[in-house]
Amino acid sequence: MTRGNQREISREKAKKKLDKLGKGSKSKEDDGLSLRNKQERDAEIMRLKQKKKQELAEAASK
């Protein structure tokens, strides 16, 4: 191969770029939460959204 270690250097550079942008890392919101806790949190958020949408629909129909 004539490229030598250029491919490895390129990969390292791309990884640093992604890390700098914050991509490829976990969001701070999810750190330390188990799968069950995440599911419960998301379910509660969805319940609130559904309740709000239902209230808006009822208000619009009156």
Protein backbone atom coordinates (compact mmCIF):
# COMPACT_ATOMS: atom_id res chain seq x y z
CA MET A 1 0.00 0.00 0.00
CA THR A 2 1.24 3.42 -0.84
CA ARG A 3 -0.98 5.31 1.59
CA GLY A 4 0.91 4.28 4.70
CA ASN A 5 -0.79 5.49 7.86
CA GLN A 6 -2.79 8.25 6.16
CA ARG A 7 -6.00 6.28 6.66
CA GLU A 8 -5.42 5.99 10.42
CA ILE A 9 -4.58 9.68 10.71
CA SER A 10 -7.72 10.56 8.79
CA ARG A 11 -9.87 8.41 11.10
CA GLU A 12 -8.38 10.04 14.19
CA LYS A 13 -8.99 13.50 12.73
CA ALA A 14 -12.61 12.65 11.92
CA LYS A 15 -13.16 11.26 15.43
CA LYS A 16 -11.78 14.42 17.03
CA LYS A 17 -14.02 16.53 14.82
CA LEU A 18 -17.13 14.55 15.80
CA ASP A 19 -16.23 14.73 19.49
CA LYS A 20 -15.70 18.47 19.23
CA LEU A 21 -19.16 18.95 17.70
CA GLY A 22 -20.72 16.83 20.43
CA LYS A 23 -21.92 14.17 18.03
CA GLY A 24 -21.21 10.58 18.86
CA SER A 25 -21.50 11.15 22.57
CA LYS A 26 -24.46 10.50 24.79
CA SER A 27 -26.72 13.37 25.58
CA LYS A 28 -26.41 14.76 29.08
CA GLU A 29 -30.13 14.17 29.65
CA ASP A 30 -29.75 10.39 29.47
CA ASP A 31 -26.60 10.02 31.56
CA GLY A 32 -27.10 7.77 34.54
CA LEU A 33 -30.63 6.69 33.67
CA SER A 34 -31.52 3.05 33.25
CA LEU A 35 -33.61 1.87 30.34
CA ARG A 36 -36.66 1.55 32.60
CA ASN A 37 -36.23 5.12 33.90
CA LYS A 38 -35.92 6.47 30.36
CA GLN A 39 -39.08 4.63 29.31
CA GLU A 40 -41.02 5.97 32.29
CA ARG A 41 -39.83 9.52 31.65
CA ASP A 42 -40.73 9.33 27.96
CA ALA A 43 -44.13 7.79 28.72
CA GLU A 44 -44.96 10.62 31.14
CA ILE A 45 -43.97 13.22 28.54
CA MET A 46 -46.22 11.54 25.96
CA ARG A 47 -49.15 11.42 28.41
CA LEU A 48 -48.81 15.15 29.03
CA LYS A 49 -48.67 15.88 25.30
CA GLN A 50 -51.74 13.74 24.63
CA LYS A 51 -53.68 15.40 27.46
CA LYS A 52 -52.78 18.87 26.19
CA LYS A 53 -53.78 17.98 22.61
CA GLN A 54 -57.08 16.51 23.81
CA GLU A 55 -57.84 19.68 25.80
CA LEU A 56 -57.12 21.82 22.75
CA ALA A 57 -59.40 19.66 20.61
CA GLU A 58 -62.22 19.94 23.15
CA ALA A 59 -61.79 23.70 23.36
CA ALA A 60 -61.85 24.01 19.57
CA SER A 61 -65.04 21.95 19.25
CA LYS A 62 -66.98 24.22 21.63
